[in-house]
Amino acid sequence: MGPETSLFTIALGLRAPWSVTDVRFDANLKEIHFDVRFKAGSRFACPSCGAADQPVHDTRPRTWEHLRFFEHKAFIHAAVPRVACGQCGKTGQVPVPWARSGSGFSQLFDAFVIALAREMPVKTIADLLNIGDDRIWRVLEHYVPAARAQEDFSDVTAVGIDETASRRGHNYITLFHDLNVGRLLFACEGRDADTVRAFAKDLREHGGDPDLVTAACIDMSKSYIAGVGRHLPEAAITFDRFHVIQLANAALEEVRRAEVREN
């Protein structure tokens, strides 16, 4: 292993038996390619039963997109081993340390996508990284449910409920926020009483109790009022100031117009 491949082995966080064996740079395409191999004679744990020290049966070529090196796209190429397990009798592909199973991206690339998704829409991320937005959605659809499964809502006692839409009159969703700590708890399609039922169900699934919710801040929607009364029975309802001010301004405008007509 030369100094260049040793440097990139460290940069990619690889450990034995894996190492970078070749680095290829394409100036025209602005791409850098890393060939990664495992040491000949290496043995791996069975991915099915976990039995250690199993021999390599064969390999399958795979490619993953990695974080960019400055303006250059980066790709990892490897022949991924499959082991023939002498204990369970199954033949399976060994997981690689730099990517989750089934992904076309490295784990660092996944992490970068998730960090961007906190700040911008998926379409913007796709354009920035020059990849299809469907690939971005697949990353999010893997990690978001896994992260939500670990959420603990046992301390939720005050919620804010509001609707939003991609444009007026289309594709409404309802958002539920924890007003005490300012975090998003739940989102679902629609803007009716059933959205509150769905939230109450999700709250229970994450260790919360709808009966412990003592405050709900909503707009003046009759559907939300009914939903809170039915599914968050201990919650005192307050109307959010934006909608209260909006109604007050509308009433003031109506009075102004009436005075103009009279004069």
C-alpha atoms as a PDB file:
ATOM      1  CA  MET A   1       0.000   0.000   0.000  1.00  0.00           C
ATOM      2  CA  GLY A   2       1.479   3.335  -1.104  1.00  0.00           C
ATOM      3  CA  PRO A   3       1.285   6.626   0.786  1.00  0.00           C
ATOM      4  CA  GLU A   4      -1.633   7.854  -1.360  1.00  0.00           C
ATOM      5  CA  THR A   5      -3.807   4.801  -0.776  1.00  0.00           C
ATOM      6  CA  SER A   6      -2.850   4.739   2.906  1.00  0.00           C
ATOM      7  CA  LEU A   7      -3.975   8.359   3.247  1.00  0.00           C
ATOM      8  CA  PHE A   8      -7.354   7.663   1.655  1.00  0.00           C
ATOM      9  CA  THR A   9      -7.786   4.475   3.696  1.00  0.00           C
ATOM     10  CA  ILE A  10      -7.538   6.668   6.789  1.00  0.00           C
ATOM     11  CA  ALA A  11      -9.731   9.386   5.226  1.00  0.00           C
ATOM     12  CA  LEU A  12     -12.499   6.861   4.545  1.00  0.00           C
ATOM     13  CA  GLY A  13     -12.219   5.448   8.083  1.00  0.00           C
ATOM     14  CA  LEU A  14     -11.395   1.939   6.869  1.00  0.00           C
ATOM     15  CA  ARG A  15      -9.908  -0.741   9.086  1.00  0.00           C
ATOM     16  CA  ALA A  16      -8.445  -4.187   8.401  1.00  0.00           C
ATOM     17  CA  PRO A  17      -9.202  -6.224   6.454  1.00  0.00           C
ATOM     18  CA  TRP A  18     -10.445  -3.349   4.237  1.00  0.00           C
ATOM     19  CA  SER A  19      -8.171  -0.806   2.567  1.00  0.00           C
ATOM     20  CA  VAL A  20      -8.021   1.496  -0.457  1.00  0.00           C
ATOM     21  CA  THR A  21      -5.975  -0.174  -3.169  1.00  0.00           C
ATOM     22  CA  ASP A  22      -6.281   2.369  -5.980  1.00  0.00           C
ATOM     23  CA  VAL A  23      -7.379   5.972  -6.495  1.00  0.00           C
ATOM     24  CA  ARG A  24      -8.463   7.178  -9.937  1.00  0.00           C
ATOM     25  CA  PHE A  25      -9.157  10.808 -10.778  1.00  0.00           C
ATOM     26  CA  ASP A  26     -11.134  11.984 -13.830  1.00  0.00           C
ATOM     27  CA  ALA A  27     -10.520  15.691 -14.369  1.00  0.00           C
ATOM     28  CA  ASN A  28     -13.042  15.960 -17.210  1.00  0.00           C
ATOM     29  CA  LEU A  29     -15.915  14.438 -15.245  1.00  0.00           C
ATOM     30  CA  LYS A  30     -14.694  15.945 -11.962  1.00  0.00           C
ATOM     31  CA  GLU A  31     -14.878  12.557 -10.281  1.00  0.00           C
ATOM     32  CA  ILE A  32     -12.609  10.614  -7.945  1.00  0.00           C
ATOM     33  CA  HIS A  33     -12.914   6.840  -7.630  1.00  0.00           C
ATOM     34  CA  PHE A  34     -11.663   4.675  -4.766  1.00  0.00           C
ATOM     35  CA  ASP A  35     -11.113   0.947  -5.208  1.00  0.00           C
ATOM     36  CA  VAL A  36     -11.502  -0.829  -1.883  1.00  0.00           C
ATOM     37  CA  ARG A  37     -10.548  -4.449  -1.243  1.00  0.00           C
ATOM     38  CA  PHE A  38     -10.343  -6.849   1.647  1.00  0.00           C
ATOM     39  CA  LYS A  39      -7.123  -8.701   2.392  1.00  0.00           C
ATOM     40  CA  ALA A  40      -6.802 -12.040   0.630  1.00  0.00           C
ATOM     41  CA  GLY A  41      -7.657 -14.938   2.913  1.00  0.00           C
ATOM     42  CA  SER A  42      -9.913 -12.838   5.146  1.00  0.00           C
ATOM     43  CA  ARG A  43     -12.799 -14.565   6.847  1.00  0.00           C
ATOM     44  CA  PHE A  44     -16.040 -12.919   7.957  1.00  0.00           C
ATOM     45  CA  ALA A  45     -18.989 -13.491  10.259  1.00  0.00           C
ATOM     46  CA  CYS A  46     -22.088 -15.026   8.707  1.00  0.00           C
ATOM     47  CA  PRO A  47     -24.674 -12.275   8.062  1.00  0.00           C
ATOM     48  CA  SER A  48     -27.512 -14.728   8.758  1.00  0.00           C
ATOM     49  CA  CYS A  49     -26.574 -16.462  12.028  1.00  0.00           C
ATOM     50  CA  GLY A  50     -23.541 -14.457  13.145  1.00  0.00           C
ATOM     51  CA  ALA A  51     -21.154 -17.401  13.211  1.00  0.00           C
ATOM     52  CA  ALA A  52     -17.589 -16.033  13.118  1.00  0.00           C
ATOM     53  CA  ASP A  53     -14.672 -16.928  10.889  1.00  0.00           C
ATOM     54  CA  GLN A  54     -16.558 -18.091   7.794  1.00  0.00           C
ATOM     55  CA  PRO A  55     -14.782 -18.465   4.409  1.00  0.00           C
ATOM     56  CA  VAL A  56     -15.492 -16.268   1.400  1.00  0.00           C
ATOM     57  CA  HIS A  57     -17.681 -18.016  -1.161  1.00  0.00           C
ATOM     58  CA  ASP A  58     -17.525 -15.366  -3.918  1.00  0.00           C
ATOM     59  CA  THR A  59     -17.790 -11.598  -4.418  1.00  0.00           C
ATOM     60  CA  ARG A  60     -20.202  -9.138  -6.026  1.00  0.00           C
ATOM     61  CA  PRO A  61     -19.090  -5.766  -7.456  1.00  0.00           C
ATOM     62  CA  ARG A  62     -20.793  -2.753  -5.848  1.00  0.00           C
ATOM     63  CA  THR A  63     -20.486   1.041  -6.086  1.00  0.00           C
ATOM     64  CA  TRP A  64     -21.471   3.727  -3.567  1.00  0.00           C
ATOM     65  CA  GLU A  65     -21.495   7.484  -3.891  1.00  0.00           C
ATOM     66  CA  HIS A  66     -19.477   9.149  -1.150  1.00  0.00           C
ATOM     67  CA  LEU A  67     -19.116  12.698   0.136  1.00  0.00           C
ATOM     68  CA  ARG A  68     -17.564  15.023  -2.391  1.00  0.00           C
ATOM     69  CA  PHE A  69     -13.902  15.909  -2.248  1.00  0.00           C
ATOM     70  CA  PHE A  70     -14.223  19.648  -2.805  1.00  0.00           C
ATOM     71  CA  GLU A  71     -16.082  20.008  -6.157  1.00  0.00           C
ATOM     72  CA  HIS A  72     -15.375  16.407  -7.237  1.00  0.00           C
ATOM     73  CA  LYS A  73     -17.939  13.623  -6.930  1.00  0.00           C
ATOM     74  CA  ALA A  74     -16.521  10.617  -5.095  1.00  0.00           C
ATOM     75  CA  PHE A  75     -17.334   6.936  -5.552  1.00  0.00           C
ATOM     76  CA  ILE A  76     -16.305   3.814  -3.633  1.00  0.00           C
ATOM     77  CA  HIS A  77     -15.971   0.582  -5.587  1.00  0.00           C
ATOM     78  CA  ALA A  78     -15.597  -2.810  -3.926  1.00  0.00           C
ATOM     79  CA  ALA A  79     -16.020  -6.499  -4.591  1.00  0.00           C
ATOM     80  CA  VAL A  80     -18.246  -7.400  -1.650  1.00  0.00           C
ATOM     81  CA  PRO A  81     -17.711 -10.904  -0.296  1.00  0.00           C
ATOM     82  CA  ARG A  82     -20.380 -13.501   0.278  1.00  0.00           C
ATOM     83  CA  VAL A  83     -19.690 -16.178   2.854  1.00  0.00           C
ATOM     84  CA  ALA A  84     -20.753 -19.809   2.793  1.00  0.00           C
ATOM     85  CA  CYS A  85     -21.622 -20.497   6.412  1.00  0.00           C
ATOM     86  CA  GLY A  86     -20.608 -23.891   7.716  1.00  0.00           C
ATOM     87  CA  GLN A  87     -22.944 -23.513  10.696  1.00  0.00           C
ATOM     88  CA  CYS A  88     -26.327 -22.485   9.247  1.00  0.00           C
ATOM     89  CA  GLY A  89     -25.613 -23.550   5.663  1.00  0.00           C
ATOM     90  CA  LYS A  90     -26.651 -20.199   4.152  1.00  0.00           C
ATOM     91  CA  THR A  91     -24.699 -18.091   1.711  1.00  0.00           C
ATOM     92  CA  GLY A  92     -25.018 -14.360   2.318  1.00  0.00           C
ATOM     93  CA  GLN A  93     -23.405 -11.026   1.503  1.00  0.00           C
ATOM     94  CA  VAL A  94     -21.210  -9.496   4.178  1.00  0.00           C
ATOM     95  CA  PRO A  95     -22.194  -5.957   5.303  1.00  0.00           C
ATOM     96  CA  VAL A  96     -19.542  -3.355   4.497  1.00  0.00           C
ATOM     97  CA  PRO A  97     -18.466  -0.885   7.212  1.00  0.00           C
ATOM     98  CA  TRP A  98     -18.938   2.259   5.117  1.00  0.00           C
ATOM     99  CA  ALA A  99     -22.572   1.823   3.966  1.00  0.00           C
ATOM    100  CA  ARG A 100     -25.857   0.385   5.186  1.00  0.00           C
ATOM    101  CA  SER A 101     -27.223  -2.676   3.457  1.00  0.00           C
ATOM    102  CA  GLY A 102     -29.000  -1.939   0.184  1.00  0.00           C
ATOM    103  CA  SER A 103     -27.895   1.698  -0.011  1.00  0.00           C
ATOM    104  CA  GLY A 104     -26.156   3.280  -2.969  1.00  0.00           C
ATOM    105  CA  PHE A 105     -24.549   5.876  -0.703  1.00  0.00           C
ATOM    106  CA  SER A 106     -21.912   5.750   1.994  1.00  0.00           C
ATOM    107  CA  GLN A 107     -23.065   6.345   5.570  1.00  0.00           C
ATOM    108  CA  LEU A 108     -21.339   9.739   5.576  1.00  0.00           C
ATOM    109  CA  PHE A 109     -23.264  10.689   2.439  1.00  0.00           C
ATOM    110  CA  ASP A 110     -26.499   9.574   4.142  1.00  0.00           C
ATOM    111  CA  ALA A 111     -25.631  11.713   7.175  1.00  0.00           C
ATOM    112  CA  PHE A 112     -24.988  14.725   4.942  1.00  0.00           C
ATOM    113  CA  VAL A 113     -28.364  14.271   3.228  1.00  0.00           C
ATOM    114  CA  ILE A 114     -30.139  14.126   6.607  1.00  0.00           C
ATOM    115  CA  ALA A 115     -28.343  17.272   7.786  1.00  0.00           C
ATOM    116  CA  LEU A 116     -29.404  19.114   4.619  1.00  0.00           C
ATOM    117  CA  ALA A 117     -32.995  17.861   4.943  1.00  0.00           C
ATOM    118  CA  ARG A 118     -33.310  19.717   8.243  1.00  0.00           C
ATOM    119  CA  GLU A 119     -32.681  22.999   6.425  1.00  0.00           C
ATOM    120  CA  MET A 120     -34.089  22.719   2.891  1.00  0.00           C
ATOM    121  CA  PRO A 121     -36.624  20.874   0.676  1.00  0.00           C
ATOM    122  CA  VAL A 122     -35.782  17.529  -0.900  1.00  0.00           C
ATOM    123  CA  LYS A 123     -35.855  18.978  -4.433  1.00  0.00           C
ATOM    124  CA  THR A 124     -33.257  21.577  -3.443  1.00  0.00           C
ATOM    125  CA  ILE A 125     -31.020  18.855  -1.968  1.00  0.00           C
ATOM    126  CA  ALA A 126     -31.339  16.766  -5.125  1.00  0.00           C
ATOM    127  CA  ASP A 127     -30.368  19.721  -7.314  1.00  0.00           C
ATOM    128  CA  LEU A 128     -27.451  20.604  -5.032  1.00  0.00           C
ATOM    129  CA  LEU A 129     -26.060  17.052  -5.070  1.00  0.00           C
ATOM    130  CA  ASN A 130     -27.003  16.422  -8.706  1.00  0.00           C
ATOM    131  CA  ILE A 131     -28.949  13.237  -7.995  1.00  0.00           C
ATOM    132  CA  GLY A 132     -32.588  12.205  -8.366  1.00  0.00           C
ATOM    133  CA  ASP A 133     -34.927  13.274  -5.571  1.00  0.00           C
ATOM    134  CA  ASP A 134     -36.248   9.704  -5.371  1.00  0.00           C
ATOM    135  CA  ARG A 135     -32.851   8.654  -4.000  1.00  0.00           C
ATOM    136  CA  ILE A 136     -33.043  11.375  -1.360  1.00  0.00           C
ATOM    137  CA  TRP A 137     -36.495  10.169  -0.334  1.00  0.00           C
ATOM    138  CA  ARG A 138     -35.212   6.596   0.042  1.00  0.00           C
ATOM    139  CA  VAL A 139     -32.546   7.794   2.493  1.00  0.00           C
ATOM    140  CA  LEU A 140     -35.122   9.714   4.535  1.00  0.00           C
ATOM    141  CA  GLU A 141     -37.645   6.871   4.419  1.00  0.00           C
ATOM    142  CA  HIS A 142     -35.011   4.614   5.981  1.00  0.00           C
ATOM    143  CA  TYR A 143     -33.740   6.865   8.768  1.00  0.00           C
ATOM    144  CA  VAL A 144     -36.804   8.896   9.774  1.00  0.00           C
ATOM    145  CA  PRO A 145     -38.945   5.909  10.894  1.00  0.00           C
ATOM    146  CA  ALA A 146     -35.915   4.444  12.701  1.00  0.00           C
ATOM    147  CA  ALA A 147     -35.344   7.729  14.536  1.00  0.00           C
ATOM    148  CA  ARG A 148     -39.041   8.186  15.372  1.00  0.00           C
ATOM    149  CA  ALA A 149     -39.197   4.680  16.823  1.00  0.00           C
ATOM    150  CA  GLN A 150     -36.796   5.875  19.534  1.00  0.00           C
ATOM    151  CA  GLU A 151     -38.773   9.018  20.398  1.00  0.00           C
ATOM    152  CA  ASP A 152     -40.102   9.373  23.952  1.00  0.00           C
ATOM    153  CA  PHE A 153     -43.282  11.468  24.258  1.00  0.00           C
ATOM    154  CA  SER A 154     -43.991  10.609  27.894  1.00  0.00           C
ATOM    155  CA  ASP A 155     -43.500  14.231  28.995  1.00  0.00           C
ATOM    156  CA  VAL A 156     -45.803  15.839  26.408  1.00  0.00           C
ATOM    157  CA  THR A 157     -48.458  17.984  28.118  1.00  0.00           C
ATOM    158  CA  ALA A 158     -48.989  20.939  25.763  1.00  0.00           C
ATOM    159  CA  VAL A 159     -49.437  20.725  22.006  1.00  0.00           C
ATOM    160  CA  GLY A 160     -49.826  23.172  19.168  1.00  0.00           C
ATOM    161  CA  ILE A 161     -51.902  22.076  16.178  1.00  0.00           C
ATOM    162  CA  ASP A 162     -51.851  23.792  12.800  1.00  0.00           C
ATOM    163  CA  GLU A 163     -52.279  23.080   9.124  1.00  0.00           C
ATOM    164  CA  THR A 164     -50.165  23.863   6.099  1.00  0.00           C
ATOM    165  CA  ALA A 165     -50.360  23.151   2.380  1.00  0.00           C
ATOM    166  CA  SER A 166     -48.094  23.147  -0.653  1.00  0.00           C
ATOM    167  CA  ARG A 167     -50.376  25.853  -2.028  1.00  0.00           C
ATOM    168  CA  ARG A 168     -53.726  27.262  -0.952  1.00  0.00           C
ATOM    169  CA  GLY A 169     -56.484  24.679  -1.221  1.00  0.00           C
ATOM    170  CA  HIS A 170     -54.240  21.725  -2.070  1.00  0.00           C
ATOM    171  CA  ASN A 171     -52.570  18.823  -0.194  1.00  0.00           C
ATOM    172  CA  TYR A 172     -53.215  19.913   3.381  1.00  0.00           C
ATOM    173  CA  ILE A 173     -51.293  18.342   6.260  1.00  0.00           C
ATOM    174  CA  THR A 174     -51.702  18.854   9.994  1.00  0.00           C
ATOM    175  CA  LEU A 175     -48.688  19.385  12.261  1.00  0.00           C
ATOM    176  CA  PHE A 176     -48.515  18.686  15.998  1.00  0.00           C
ATOM    177  CA  HIS A 177     -45.819  20.425  18.056  1.00  0.00           C
ATOM    178  CA  ASP A 178     -44.654  20.062  21.640  1.00  0.00           C
ATOM    179  CA  LEU A 179     -45.109  23.619  22.918  1.00  0.00           C
ATOM    180  CA  ASN A 180     -42.877  23.076  25.945  1.00  0.00           C
ATOM    181  CA  VAL A 181     -39.705  22.230  24.031  1.00  0.00           C
ATOM    182  CA  GLY A 182     -40.494  23.379  20.491  1.00  0.00           C
ATOM    183  CA  ARG A 183     -40.247  20.076  18.623  1.00  0.00           C
ATOM    184  CA  LEU A 184     -42.370  18.518  15.912  1.00  0.00           C
ATOM    185  CA  LEU A 185     -44.189  15.475  17.274  1.00  0.00           C
ATOM    186  CA  PHE A 186     -46.354  14.253  14.425  1.00  0.00           C
ATOM    187  CA  ALA A 187     -47.635  15.145  10.958  1.00  0.00           C
ATOM    188  CA  CYS A 188     -50.330  13.566   8.809  1.00  0.00           C
ATOM    189  CA  GLU A 189     -52.468  14.289   5.786  1.00  0.00           C
ATOM    190  CA  GLY A 190     -55.744  16.151   6.202  1.00  0.00           C
ATOM    191  CA  ARG A 191     -57.079  18.885   8.473  1.00  0.00           C
ATOM    192  CA  ASP A 192     -60.065  17.286  10.198  1.00  0.00           C
ATOM    193  CA  ALA A 193     -60.872  15.774  13.597  1.00  0.00           C
ATOM    194  CA  ASP A 194     -59.428  12.434  12.501  1.00  0.00           C
ATOM    195  CA  THR A 195     -55.936  13.954  12.428  1.00  0.00           C
ATOM    196  CA  VAL A 196     -56.187  14.442  16.208  1.00  0.00           C
ATOM    197  CA  ARG A 197     -57.226  10.808  16.596  1.00  0.00           C
ATOM    198  CA  ALA A 198     -54.132   9.768  14.593  1.00  0.00           C
ATOM    199  CA  PHE A 199     -51.927  11.971  16.772  1.00  0.00           C
ATOM    200  CA  ALA A 200     -53.351  10.517  19.993  1.00  0.00           C
ATOM    201  CA  LYS A 201     -52.609   7.004  18.692  1.00  0.00           C
ATOM    202  CA  ASP A 202     -49.043   7.954  17.760  1.00  0.00           C
ATOM    203  CA  LEU A 203     -48.588   9.633  21.146  1.00  0.00           C
ATOM    204  CA  ARG A 204     -49.475   6.386  22.931  1.00  0.00           C
ATOM    205  CA  GLU A 205     -47.104   4.418  20.688  1.00  0.00           C
ATOM    206  CA  HIS A 206     -44.249   6.652  21.875  1.00  0.00           C
ATOM    207  CA  GLY A 207     -44.935   6.429  25.595  1.00  0.00           C
ATOM    208  CA  GLY A 208     -47.235   9.438  25.864  1.00  0.00           C
ATOM    209  CA  ASP A 209     -50.736   9.682  27.284  1.00  0.00           C
ATOM    210  CA  PRO A 210     -53.457  11.795  25.604  1.00  0.00           C
ATOM    211  CA  ASP A 211     -55.098  12.245  29.015  1.00  0.00           C
ATOM    212  CA  LEU A 212     -51.960  14.044  30.272  1.00  0.00           C
ATOM    213  CA  VAL A 213     -52.202  16.714  27.565  1.00  0.00           C
ATOM    214  CA  THR A 214     -53.630  19.693  29.441  1.00  0.00           C
ATOM    215  CA  ALA A 215     -53.244  22.423  26.820  1.00  0.00           C
ATOM    216  CA  ALA A 216     -53.898  22.582  23.079  1.00  0.00           C
ATOM    217  CA  CYS A 217     -53.308  25.685  20.979  1.00  0.00           C
ATOM    218  CA  ILE A 218     -55.233  25.567  17.704  1.00  0.00           C
ATOM    219  CA  ASP A 219     -56.876  27.768  15.096  1.00  0.00           C
ATOM    220  CA  MET A 220     -60.638  28.216  15.208  1.00  0.00           C
ATOM    221  CA  SER A 221     -61.383  25.201  13.059  1.00  0.00           C
ATOM    222  CA  LYS A 222     -64.500  23.363  14.236  1.00  0.00           C
ATOM    223  CA  SER A 223     -62.852  20.100  13.180  1.00  0.00           C
ATOM    224  CA  TYR A 224     -59.841  20.672  15.421  1.00  0.00           C
ATOM    225  CA  ILE A 225     -62.047  21.779  18.307  1.00  0.00           C
ATOM    226  CA  ALA A 226     -64.080  18.567  17.982  1.00  0.00           C
ATOM    227  CA  GLY A 227     -60.962  16.425  17.598  1.00  0.00           C
ATOM    228  CA  VAL A 228     -59.319  17.852  20.707  1.00  0.00           C
ATOM    229  CA  GLY A 229     -62.503  17.429  22.726  1.00  0.00           C
ATOM    230  CA  ARG A 230     -62.798  13.803  21.675  1.00  0.00           C
ATOM    231  CA  HIS A 231     -59.179  12.610  21.674  1.00  0.00           C
ATOM    232  CA  LEU A 232     -57.401  14.994  24.099  1.00  0.00           C
ATOM    233  CA  PRO A 233     -60.205  15.258  26.659  1.00  0.00           C
ATOM    234  CA  GLU A 234     -58.200  17.004  29.423  1.00  0.00           C
ATOM    235  CA  ALA A 235     -56.771  19.707  27.164  1.00  0.00           C
ATOM    236  CA  ALA A 236     -57.848  23.313  27.659  1.00  0.00           C
ATOM    237  CA  ILE A 237     -58.177  24.926  24.226  1.00  0.00           C
ATOM    238  CA  THR A 238     -56.624  28.274  23.376  1.00  0.00           C
ATOM    239  CA  PHE A 239     -56.760  29.899  19.959  1.00  0.00           C
ATOM    240  CA  ASP A 240     -53.444  30.921  18.473  1.00  0.00           C
ATOM    241  CA  ARG A 241     -52.844  34.661  18.304  1.00  0.00           C
ATOM    242  CA  PHE A 242     -52.239  34.714  14.550  1.00  0.00           C
ATOM    243  CA  HIS A 243     -55.813  33.650  13.816  1.00  0.00           C
ATOM    244  CA  VAL A 244     -57.273  35.826  16.571  1.00  0.00           C
ATOM    245  CA  ILE A 245     -55.454  38.878  15.186  1.00  0.00           C
ATOM    246  CA  GLN A 246     -56.487  37.895  11.663  1.00  0.00           C
ATOM    247  CA  LEU A 247     -60.165  37.867  12.696  1.00  0.00           C
ATOM    248  CA  ALA A 248     -59.797  41.153  14.578  1.00  0.00           C
ATOM    249  CA  ASN A 249     -58.188  42.782  11.541  1.00  0.00           C
ATOM    250  CA  ALA A 250     -60.962  41.452   9.296  1.00  0.00           C
ATOM    251  CA  ALA A 251     -63.610  42.862  11.652  1.00  0.00           C
ATOM    252  CA  LEU A 252     -61.793  46.207  11.788  1.00  0.00           C
ATOM    253  CA  GLU A 253     -61.623  46.301   7.996  1.00  0.00           C
ATOM    254  CA  GLU A 254     -65.345  45.598   7.755  1.00  0.00           C
ATOM    255  CA  VAL A 255     -66.094  48.487  10.155  1.00  0.00           C
ATOM    256  CA  ARG A 256     -63.835  50.773   8.123  1.00  0.00           C
ATOM    257  CA  ARG A 257     -65.615  49.881   4.893  1.00  0.00           C
ATOM    258  CA  ALA A 258     -69.028  50.400   6.537  1.00  0.00           C
ATOM    259  CA  GLU A 259     -67.986  53.873   7.694  1.00  0.00           C
ATOM    260  CA  VAL A 260     -66.728  54.715   4.207  1.00  0.00           C
ATOM    261  CA  ARG A 261     -70.066  53.641   2.706  1.00  0.00           C
ATOM    262  CA  GLU A 262     -72.029  55.715   5.244  1.00  0.00           C
ATOM    263  CA  ASN A 263     -69.945  58.824   4.621  1.00  0.00           C
END
